[in-house]
Amino acid sequence: MGELAKIFLDDCPTRLSAIQAGVEGRDAAALLEAAHALRGSVANFGAVQAVEAALKLELMGKAGDLTGAPAAFVDLQRAMAALTNELCAATPKRPSNS
């Protein structure tokens, strides 16, 4: 599970950036795709708030109505910050090879 968490933590900023780009660019298809991908990832950790926040954005993208997307993205950022803090605290640090 630790390795899965590390991969997720490394990939998370890219996924959030893709969602942010979809929101800011008012690109419903891009938002749908990015939020769906993130939702699948956070579901692996049982992060209910993050799953719900990503689903909300995913459904906005699917409907093509991004009216509340900026506020929903802020909610997602909060949920993701909580999840990443929990994962960082639970993931053992590896000694560096240098």
Protein backbone atom coordinates (compact mmCIF):
# COMPACT_ATOMS: atom_id res chain seq x y z
CA MET A 1 0.00 0.00 0.00
CA GLY A 2 2.91 2.32 0.70
CA GLU A 3 4.16 2.03 -2.87
CA LEU A 4 0.68 2.74 -4.22
CA ALA A 5 0.48 5.82 -2.00
CA LYS A 6 3.88 7.03 -3.24
CA ILE A 7 2.84 6.65 -6.88
CA PHE A 8 -0.40 8.49 -6.15
CA LEU A 9 1.36 11.33 -4.33
CA ASP A 10 3.81 11.73 -7.22
CA ASP A 11 0.98 11.80 -9.78
CA CYS A 12 -1.53 13.89 -7.82
CA PRO A 13 -0.25 17.36 -8.79
CA THR A 14 -0.50 16.48 -12.48
CA ARG A 15 -4.06 15.24 -12.10
CA LEU A 16 -5.12 18.33 -10.14
CA SER A 17 -3.49 20.57 -12.75
CA ALA A 18 -5.48 18.84 -15.49
CA ILE A 19 -8.70 19.43 -13.56
CA GLN A 20 -7.79 23.04 -12.94
CA ALA A 21 -7.06 23.52 -16.65
CA GLY A 22 -10.47 22.08 -17.52
CA VAL A 23 -12.19 24.39 -15.05
CA GLU A 24 -10.27 27.51 -16.07
CA GLY A 25 -10.53 26.74 -19.78
CA ARG A 26 -14.23 25.92 -19.46
CA ASP A 27 -13.45 22.62 -21.21
CA ALA A 28 -16.16 20.20 -20.10
CA ALA A 29 -14.66 17.17 -21.88
CA ALA A 30 -11.22 17.71 -20.36
CA LEU A 31 -12.77 18.24 -16.93
CA LEU A 32 -14.82 15.06 -17.26
CA GLU A 33 -11.78 12.99 -18.20
CA ALA A 34 -9.45 14.44 -15.57
CA ALA A 35 -11.96 14.30 -12.71
CA HIS A 36 -12.92 10.73 -13.61
CA ALA A 37 -9.28 9.64 -13.53
CA LEU A 38 -8.65 11.31 -10.18
CA ARG A 39 -11.84 9.86 -8.70
CA GLY A 40 -10.67 6.37 -9.56
CA SER A 41 -7.33 6.99 -7.92
CA VAL A 42 -8.66 8.44 -4.67
CA ALA A 43 -11.24 5.66 -4.39
CA ASN A 44 -8.33 3.24 -3.84
CA PHE A 45 -7.74 4.95 -0.50
CA GLY A 46 -11.38 5.12 0.63
CA ALA A 47 -11.24 8.92 0.63
CA VAL A 48 -14.97 9.62 0.59
CA GLN A 49 -14.75 13.43 0.55
CA ALA A 50 -12.23 13.45 -2.29
CA VAL A 51 -14.26 10.90 -4.27
CA GLU A 52 -17.42 12.98 -3.85
CA ALA A 53 -15.64 16.22 -4.80
CA ALA A 54 -14.12 14.64 -7.91
CA LEU A 55 -17.48 13.08 -8.84
CA LYS A 56 -19.17 16.47 -8.59
CA LEU A 57 -16.70 17.92 -11.10
CA GLU A 58 -16.94 14.83 -13.29
CA LEU A 59 -20.72 15.19 -13.47
CA MET A 60 -20.41 18.89 -14.29
CA GLY A 61 -18.13 17.97 -17.16
CA LYS A 62 -20.51 15.28 -18.33
CA ALA A 63 -23.44 17.69 -18.27
CA GLY A 64 -21.41 20.43 -19.96
CA ASP A 65 -22.46 22.88 -17.24
CA LEU A 66 -19.41 24.29 -15.47
CA THR A 67 -21.28 27.04 -13.62
CA GLY A 68 -20.20 25.90 -10.15
CA ALA A 69 -16.91 24.35 -11.21
CA PRO A 70 -14.54 26.92 -9.65
CA ALA A 71 -16.13 26.49 -6.21
CA ALA A 72 -16.25 22.72 -6.65
CA PHE A 73 -12.56 22.74 -7.55
CA VAL A 74 -11.78 24.56 -4.29
CA ASP A 75 -13.69 21.82 -2.43
CA LEU A 76 -11.67 19.20 -4.28
CA GLN A 77 -8.41 20.93 -3.40
CA ARG A 78 -9.36 20.89 0.30
CA ALA A 79 -10.28 17.22 0.19
CA MET A 80 -7.10 16.38 -1.68
CA ALA A 81 -4.96 18.32 0.79
CA ALA A 82 -6.46 16.31 3.64
CA LEU A 83 -5.89 13.04 1.79
CA THR A 84 -2.31 13.84 0.80
CA ASN A 85 -1.50 14.89 4.37
CA GLU A 86 -2.85 11.59 5.66
CA LEU A 87 -0.95 9.60 3.05
CA CYS A 88 2.30 11.46 3.67
CA ALA A 89 1.99 10.82 7.40
CA ALA A 90 1.28 7.13 6.84
CA THR A 91 3.90 6.51 4.15
CA PRO A 92 7.32 5.59 5.50
CA LYS A 93 10.18 7.65 4.15
CA ARG A 94 12.87 5.76 2.27
CA PRO A 95 16.51 6.62 2.89
CA SER A 96 18.09 8.39 -0.07
CA ASN A 97 20.90 6.71 -1.99
CA SER A 98 23.11 9.77 -1.95
